[in-house]
Amino acid sequence: MSIGIVSTGIYIPEAVMTAEDIATQSNLPLEVVKYKMGISKKPIPGRDDHTVAMGIWAAEKALQKGNVDPKSIDLIIYIGEEHKEYPLWTAAIKIQEELGAFHAWAFDVALRCGTTIMAMKVAKSMMLADPSIQTVLLAGGYRNSDFIDYTNESTRFMFNLGAGGAAMILKRNYDKNILLESDIITDGSFSEDVLVPVGGTKQPLTTELLENSMYRLDVMDPQGMKARLEQKSMDNFLKVIRNALFKSGYSEKDIDYLAILHMKKSAHDYVLGELGLTKEQSIYLSDYGHIGQMDQIISLELAEKSEKIKSGDIVVLVSAGIGYAWGAIAVKWGTEGRKI
């Protein structure tokens, strides 16, 4: 039995922040922003671009693109961020209502920027285990750029955070774009390295904390985290890719396209080089920045439109999320070519 991707959809806000804007606000040289960080521009939320709303708009596009009746959806999994319209709110149920998916049930999951791949793994497992789950919608939005203080040098690696929404529809016994195997690594030693230090139960939000710009993403031990994470992160990127392929009966030599999150250009090039891939076998998201767990779906859509992937190709989606988590999943694209 196969689980396949019926369609995807993305929503990208019209408002943008350019490399020049980032350079001005951060007091960094423009060349560093453009060529080291790899940011030409990135979408930022407009007035009505709320987190869940962007996921709903992306889901509507996926439904239309796949000619899927929302009433045929059995399960909705929210893959967006916890920073959304309201705290303590189940976003997937709102998506269910807005789409008219009246026969579905819904829940939220979270693994920061690794959420989409984790949710694909969860959805596949649930569909294999429960025959009543025939069609699953993954949808969500991201606007963690709200938490960036461009004067905080320790958060420079997050200056690429943008905004947008993405969705994916999966179907049981679907013979196209088949989900193969996945691999996920988490490392709790980094669990409190990157966070918003106030607004939780440890330090509830106050007017004074807001006025002092404490309600922002921060790095608790910048030098220590860098020393512990830098090489481990690259090793784990490669490990999850290779493990997902191995479980699927393939190797890195079989990769035709890599849908990878946005990160600094040297790291992107390093991953491609270690896997023996050319720059034509991926898309560097310099015009999008890092839209969290939406990056893999955005990359997939861009690859489709630019005809970088064709039937029979082996596509690998790969992510990393603060916490830290790394994940990859292999997909056999289309219906022709290599046999599973």
Protein backbone atom coordinates (compact mmCIF):
# COMPACT_ATOMS: atom_id res chain seq x y z
CA MET A 1 0.00 0.00 0.00
CA SER A 2 1.29 3.45 -0.89
CA ILE A 3 0.82 6.92 0.57
CA GLY A 4 1.23 9.66 -2.04
CA ILE A 5 1.29 13.44 -2.26
CA VAL A 6 -1.80 14.57 -4.17
CA SER A 7 -0.94 18.27 -4.21
CA THR A 8 0.70 21.15 -2.36
CA GLY A 9 -0.11 24.81 -1.93
CA ILE A 10 1.78 27.84 -0.69
CA TYR A 11 0.92 31.37 0.36
CA ILE A 12 3.62 34.05 0.26
CA PRO A 13 2.86 37.56 1.61
CA GLU A 14 3.32 40.48 -0.77
CA ALA A 15 5.29 42.59 1.73
CA VAL A 16 9.05 42.03 1.69
CA MET A 17 12.13 42.96 3.65
CA THR A 18 15.15 43.41 1.42
CA ALA A 19 18.80 42.68 2.07
CA GLU A 20 19.29 46.44 2.22
CA ASP A 21 16.63 46.71 4.95
CA ILE A 22 18.28 43.99 7.00
CA ALA A 23 21.72 45.54 6.57
CA THR A 24 20.42 48.93 7.71
CA GLN A 25 18.59 47.61 10.76
CA SER A 26 21.40 45.28 11.84
CA ASN A 27 24.30 47.56 10.93
CA LEU A 28 25.84 44.72 8.93
CA PRO A 29 27.61 45.16 5.58
CA LEU A 30 25.23 44.55 2.69
CA GLU A 31 27.64 42.01 1.22
CA VAL A 32 27.40 39.90 4.40
CA VAL A 33 23.60 39.83 4.24
CA LYS A 34 23.49 39.06 0.52
CA TYR A 35 26.36 36.66 0.04
CA LYS A 36 27.16 35.12 3.43
CA MET A 37 23.65 34.94 4.87
CA GLY A 38 22.27 34.40 1.39
CA ILE A 39 19.31 36.76 1.62
CA SER A 40 18.20 38.88 -1.34
CA LYS A 41 14.79 39.51 0.19
CA LYS A 42 12.27 37.72 2.35
CA PRO A 43 8.48 37.94 2.73
CA ILE A 44 7.18 39.50 5.93
CA PRO A 45 3.59 39.48 7.16
CA GLY A 46 1.16 42.16 6.07
CA ARG A 47 -1.66 43.37 8.30
CA ASP A 48 -3.91 40.36 7.67
CA ASP A 49 -1.20 37.72 7.25
CA HIS A 50 -1.81 35.85 10.48
CA THR A 51 -0.19 32.47 11.04
CA VAL A 52 -3.19 30.15 10.73
CA ALA A 53 -4.85 32.34 8.09
CA MET A 54 -1.80 31.86 5.84
CA GLY A 55 -2.07 28.10 6.35
CA ILE A 56 -5.75 28.20 5.37
CA TRP A 57 -5.00 30.14 2.17
CA ALA A 58 -2.27 27.65 1.28
CA ALA A 59 -4.64 24.75 1.98
CA GLU A 60 -7.28 26.26 -0.31
CA LYS A 61 -4.70 26.33 -3.10
CA ALA A 62 -3.73 22.71 -2.46
CA LEU A 63 -7.39 21.63 -2.53
CA GLN A 64 -7.99 23.45 -5.80
CA LYS A 65 -4.76 22.21 -7.37
CA GLY A 66 -5.50 18.59 -6.42
CA ASN A 67 -9.23 18.82 -7.18
CA VAL A 68 -9.90 17.55 -3.65
CA ASP A 69 -13.28 18.01 -1.97
CA PRO A 70 -12.69 19.23 1.59
CA LYS A 71 -15.48 16.92 2.76
CA SER A 72 -13.32 13.98 1.67
CA ILE A 73 -10.57 14.87 4.16
CA ASP A 74 -10.39 12.49 7.12
CA LEU A 75 -7.68 14.17 9.16
CA ILE A 76 -6.09 17.63 9.38
CA ILE A 77 -2.70 18.10 11.03
CA TYR A 78 -1.58 21.65 11.78
CA ILE A 79 2.12 22.00 10.92
CA GLY A 80 2.49 25.73 11.58
CA GLU A 81 4.07 27.59 14.44
CA GLU A 82 2.79 28.03 18.00
CA HIS A 83 3.11 31.79 17.50
CA LYS A 84 -0.31 32.37 15.98
CA GLU A 85 -3.55 34.33 16.28
CA TYR A 86 -4.25 33.24 19.85
CA PRO A 87 -2.33 31.33 22.54
CA LEU A 88 -3.71 28.03 23.86
CA TRP A 89 -5.65 27.45 20.65
CA THR A 90 -5.95 24.34 18.48
CA ALA A 91 -5.28 25.71 15.01
CA ALA A 92 -6.14 22.53 13.08
CA ILE A 93 -9.76 22.73 14.23
CA LYS A 94 -10.00 26.30 12.91
CA ILE A 95 -8.61 25.11 9.56
CA GLN A 96 -11.21 22.31 9.53
CA GLU A 97 -14.03 24.82 10.01
CA GLU A 98 -12.79 27.38 7.46
CA LEU A 99 -12.28 24.75 4.74
CA GLY A 100 -15.58 22.98 5.37
CA ALA A 101 -13.83 19.69 6.14
CA PHE A 102 -16.82 18.56 8.16
CA HIS A 103 -15.97 14.84 8.16
CA ALA A 104 -12.41 15.32 9.40
CA TRP A 105 -10.92 15.42 12.85
CA ALA A 106 -7.89 17.56 13.61
CA PHE A 107 -4.91 18.17 15.86
CA ASP A 108 -1.70 20.24 16.07
CA VAL A 109 1.93 19.06 16.13
CA ALA A 110 5.17 20.94 16.71
CA LEU A 111 8.87 20.33 16.14
CA ARG A 112 9.83 23.88 15.21
CA CYS A 113 11.27 23.98 11.67
CA GLY A 114 11.27 20.17 11.56
CA THR A 115 7.48 19.98 11.88
CA THR A 116 6.53 19.28 8.26
CA ILE A 117 8.76 16.23 7.91
CA MET A 118 7.75 14.92 11.33
CA ALA A 119 4.07 15.40 10.41
CA MET A 120 4.55 13.56 7.10
CA LYS A 121 6.03 10.66 9.08
CA VAL A 122 3.18 10.74 11.61
CA ALA A 123 0.51 10.99 8.90
CA LYS A 124 1.96 8.08 6.95
CA SER A 125 2.13 5.91 10.06
CA MET A 126 -1.45 6.75 11.02
CA MET A 127 -2.75 6.03 7.51
CA LEU A 128 -0.98 2.67 7.44
CA ALA A 129 -2.35 1.76 10.87
CA ASP A 130 -5.94 3.00 10.44
CA PRO A 131 -7.80 2.16 7.19
CA SER A 132 -10.44 4.80 7.95
CA ILE A 133 -7.86 7.55 7.34
CA GLN A 134 -7.78 7.85 3.56
CA THR A 135 -6.95 11.55 3.01
CA VAL A 136 -4.86 13.81 5.24
CA LEU A 137 -4.26 17.55 4.99
CA LEU A 138 -1.10 19.07 6.48
CA ALA A 139 -1.31 22.87 6.69
CA GLY A 140 0.14 25.76 8.63
CA GLY A 141 1.74 29.17 8.65
CA TYR A 142 4.88 30.80 9.98
CA ARG A 143 5.81 34.33 11.03
CA ASN A 144 8.49 33.95 13.67
CA SER A 145 10.18 36.93 12.07
CA ASP A 146 8.05 38.85 14.60
CA PHE A 147 10.51 37.76 17.28
CA ILE A 148 13.70 39.00 15.62
CA ASP A 149 15.67 41.90 17.08
CA TYR A 150 18.07 42.96 14.33
CA THR A 151 20.32 44.70 16.86
CA ASN A 152 20.97 41.41 18.71
CA GLU A 153 24.14 40.03 17.14
CA SER A 154 23.74 36.62 18.77
CA THR A 155 20.60 35.98 16.68
CA ARG A 156 22.21 36.81 13.32
CA PHE A 157 21.64 33.28 12.06
CA MET A 158 17.90 33.95 12.38
CA PHE A 159 17.83 37.22 10.42
CA ASN A 160 16.57 35.15 7.48
CA LEU A 161 13.25 34.33 9.18
CA GLY A 162 10.31 35.27 6.98
CA ALA A 163 6.58 34.60 6.75
CA GLY A 164 4.25 32.40 4.72
CA GLY A 165 1.98 29.39 4.67
CA ALA A 166 2.10 25.93 3.11
CA ALA A 167 -0.06 22.84 2.78
CA MET A 168 0.18 19.27 1.52
CA ILE A 169 -2.51 16.68 0.82
CA LEU A 170 -1.68 12.99 1.30
CA LYS A 171 -3.83 10.10 0.13
CA ARG A 172 -3.88 6.39 0.86
CA ASN A 173 -3.42 4.02 -2.13
CA TYR A 174 -2.32 6.96 -4.28
CA ASP A 175 0.16 5.87 -6.96
CA LYS A 176 1.92 9.20 -7.52
CA ASN A 177 4.57 11.07 -5.53
CA ILE A 178 4.94 8.19 -3.09
CA LEU A 179 6.26 8.77 0.42
CA LEU A 180 9.18 6.46 1.09
CA GLU A 181 10.99 6.34 4.43
CA SER A 182 12.08 9.04 6.84
CA ASP A 183 14.63 9.64 9.58
CA ILE A 184 14.60 12.08 12.50
CA ILE A 185 17.27 12.97 15.07
CA THR A 186 16.66 15.11 18.16
CA ASP A 187 19.30 16.32 20.59
CA GLY A 188 18.00 17.66 23.91
CA SER A 189 21.36 19.12 24.91
CA PHE A 190 20.36 22.14 22.80
CA SER A 191 16.79 22.37 24.09
CA GLU A 192 17.23 25.67 25.95
CA ASP A 193 19.82 27.32 23.74
CA VAL A 194 17.41 29.27 21.51
CA LEU A 195 14.14 30.55 22.94
CA VAL A 196 11.96 33.51 23.80
CA PRO A 197 12.98 33.97 27.46
CA VAL A 198 9.77 35.62 28.70
CA GLY A 199 6.06 35.07 28.28
CA GLY A 200 5.93 31.55 29.75
CA THR A 201 5.32 30.30 33.26
CA LYS A 202 8.93 30.88 34.34
CA GLN A 203 8.78 34.61 33.59
CA PRO A 204 5.29 35.82 32.71
CA LEU A 205 5.00 38.72 30.31
CA THR A 206 4.89 42.21 31.84
CA THR A 207 4.76 45.73 30.43
CA GLU A 208 8.34 46.30 31.53
CA LEU A 209 9.59 43.19 29.71
CA LEU A 210 7.78 44.25 26.54
CA GLU A 211 9.19 47.77 26.73
CA ASN A 212 12.70 46.34 27.16
CA SER A 213 12.31 44.16 24.04
CA MET A 214 12.65 40.95 26.02
CA TYR A 215 9.81 39.25 24.13
CA ARG A 216 12.18 38.28 21.34
CA LEU A 217 14.10 35.19 20.26
CA ASP A 218 17.48 35.03 21.97
CA VAL A 219 20.46 32.71 22.32
CA MET A 220 21.32 31.90 25.92
CA ASP A 221 24.96 30.87 25.31
CA PRO A 222 25.99 32.03 21.82
CA GLN A 223 29.63 30.93 21.91
CA GLY A 224 28.92 27.65 23.64
CA MET A 225 26.10 26.75 21.27
CA LYS A 226 28.19 27.57 18.22
CA ALA A 227 31.06 25.41 19.44
CA ARG A 228 28.77 22.48 20.23
CA LEU A 229 26.44 22.73 17.24
CA GLU A 230 28.37 23.77 14.15
CA GLN A 231 29.84 20.48 12.96
CA LYS A 232 27.21 18.32 14.66
CA SER A 233 24.50 20.11 12.69
CA MET A 234 26.14 19.41 9.33
CA ASP A 235 26.83 15.79 10.31
CA ASN A 236 23.20 15.29 11.33
CA PHE A 237 21.90 16.89 8.12
CA LEU A 238 23.82 14.31 6.14
CA LYS A 239 22.96 11.47 8.52
CA VAL A 240 19.17 11.89 8.29
CA ILE A 241 19.34 12.21 4.49
CA ARG A 242 21.44 9.06 4.15
CA ASN A 243 19.36 7.13 6.68
CA ALA A 244 16.06 8.04 5.00
CA LEU A 245 17.45 6.93 1.65
CA PHE A 246 18.93 3.71 3.07
CA LYS A 247 15.60 2.78 4.67
CA SER A 248 13.97 3.42 1.27
CA GLY A 249 16.41 1.20 -0.61
CA TYR A 250 18.44 4.03 -2.13
CA SER A 251 21.66 5.96 -1.55
CA GLU A 252 22.77 9.55 -1.97
CA LYS A 253 23.80 8.71 -5.54
CA ASP A 254 20.10 8.30 -6.35
CA ILE A 255 19.06 11.80 -5.26
CA ASP A 256 17.64 13.85 -8.12
CA TYR A 257 16.43 16.83 -6.10
CA LEU A 258 17.02 18.05 -2.53
CA ALA A 259 14.31 20.25 -0.97
CA ILE A 260 16.33 21.89 1.78
CA LEU A 261 15.59 24.73 4.15
CA HIS A 262 17.22 28.12 3.74
CA MET A 263 20.48 28.52 5.66
CA LYS A 264 23.70 30.41 5.10
CA LYS A 265 25.11 29.85 1.61
CA SER A 266 28.29 28.08 2.71
CA ALA A 267 26.28 25.50 4.71
CA HIS A 268 23.92 24.93 1.77
CA ASP A 269 26.85 24.41 -0.58
CA TYR A 270 28.57 22.11 1.92
CA VAL A 271 25.56 19.77 2.10
CA LEU A 272 25.26 19.63 -1.69
CA GLY A 273 28.99 19.00 -2.05
CA GLU A 274 29.03 16.18 0.51
CA LEU A 275 26.15 14.49 -1.30
CA GLY A 276 27.72 14.92 -4.73
CA LEU A 277 24.87 17.14 -5.92
CA THR A 278 25.04 20.11 -8.28
CA LYS A 279 23.38 23.45 -7.61
CA GLU A 280 20.81 22.52 -10.27
CA GLN A 281 19.59 19.70 -8.02
CA SER A 282 18.27 22.07 -5.38
CA ILE A 283 16.92 25.62 -5.08
CA TYR A 284 18.58 28.14 -2.80
CA LEU A 285 15.76 30.16 -1.25
CA SER A 286 17.52 33.53 -1.33
CA ASP A 287 14.30 35.32 -2.36
CA TYR A 288 12.32 33.72 0.47
CA GLY A 289 14.65 33.43 3.43
CA HIS A 290 13.72 30.82 5.99
CA ILE A 291 9.96 30.37 6.38
CA GLY A 292 10.42 27.68 8.98
CA GLN A 293 8.83 24.33 8.30
CA MET A 294 7.26 25.71 5.13
CA ASP A 295 10.63 25.69 3.31
CA GLN A 296 10.43 22.10 2.06
CA ILE A 297 6.97 22.57 0.51
CA ILE A 298 8.01 25.91 -1.01
CA SER A 299 11.12 24.28 -2.50
CA LEU A 300 9.02 21.42 -3.85
CA GLU A 301 6.57 23.81 -5.54
CA LEU A 302 9.37 25.90 -7.03
CA ALA A 303 11.03 22.73 -8.34
CA GLU A 304 7.79 21.62 -9.98
CA LYS A 305 7.26 24.99 -11.65
CA SER A 306 10.83 25.16 -12.92
CA GLU A 307 10.70 21.50 -14.05
CA LYS A 308 13.63 20.52 -11.88
CA ILE A 309 11.83 17.32 -10.92
CA LYS A 310 10.26 14.77 -13.24
CA SER A 311 8.43 11.49 -12.97
CA GLY A 312 10.64 8.76 -11.52
CA ASP A 313 12.92 11.15 -9.63
CA ILE A 314 13.99 10.53 -6.06
CA VAL A 315 13.33 13.68 -4.07
CA VAL A 316 14.53 14.21 -0.50
CA LEU A 317 13.03 16.80 1.84
CA VAL A 318 15.35 17.79 4.69
CA SER A 319 14.97 20.13 7.65
CA ALA A 320 16.45 21.25 10.94
CA GLY A 321 14.74 22.94 13.85
CA ILE A 322 15.92 24.63 17.02
CA GLY A 323 15.76 22.30 19.94
CA TYR A 324 17.61 20.70 18.05
CA ALA A 325 15.97 18.39 15.52
CA TRP A 326 16.98 17.15 12.07
CA GLY A 327 14.69 15.26 9.72
CA ALA A 328 14.52 13.93 6.17
CA ILE A 329 12.00 12.02 4.09
CA ALA A 330 12.39 10.48 0.64
CA VAL A 331 9.73 10.71 -2.05
CA LYS A 332 9.51 8.84 -5.36
CA TRP A 333 8.15 11.55 -7.62
CA GLY A 334 5.53 10.90 -10.28
CA THR A 335 4.67 7.41 -11.47
CA GLU A 336 7.41 6.34 -13.87
CA GLY A 337 11.09 5.46 -13.71
CA ARG A 338 12.76 3.72 -10.82
CA LYS A 339 10.95 0.89 -9.13
CA ILE A 340 10.48 1.03 -5.36
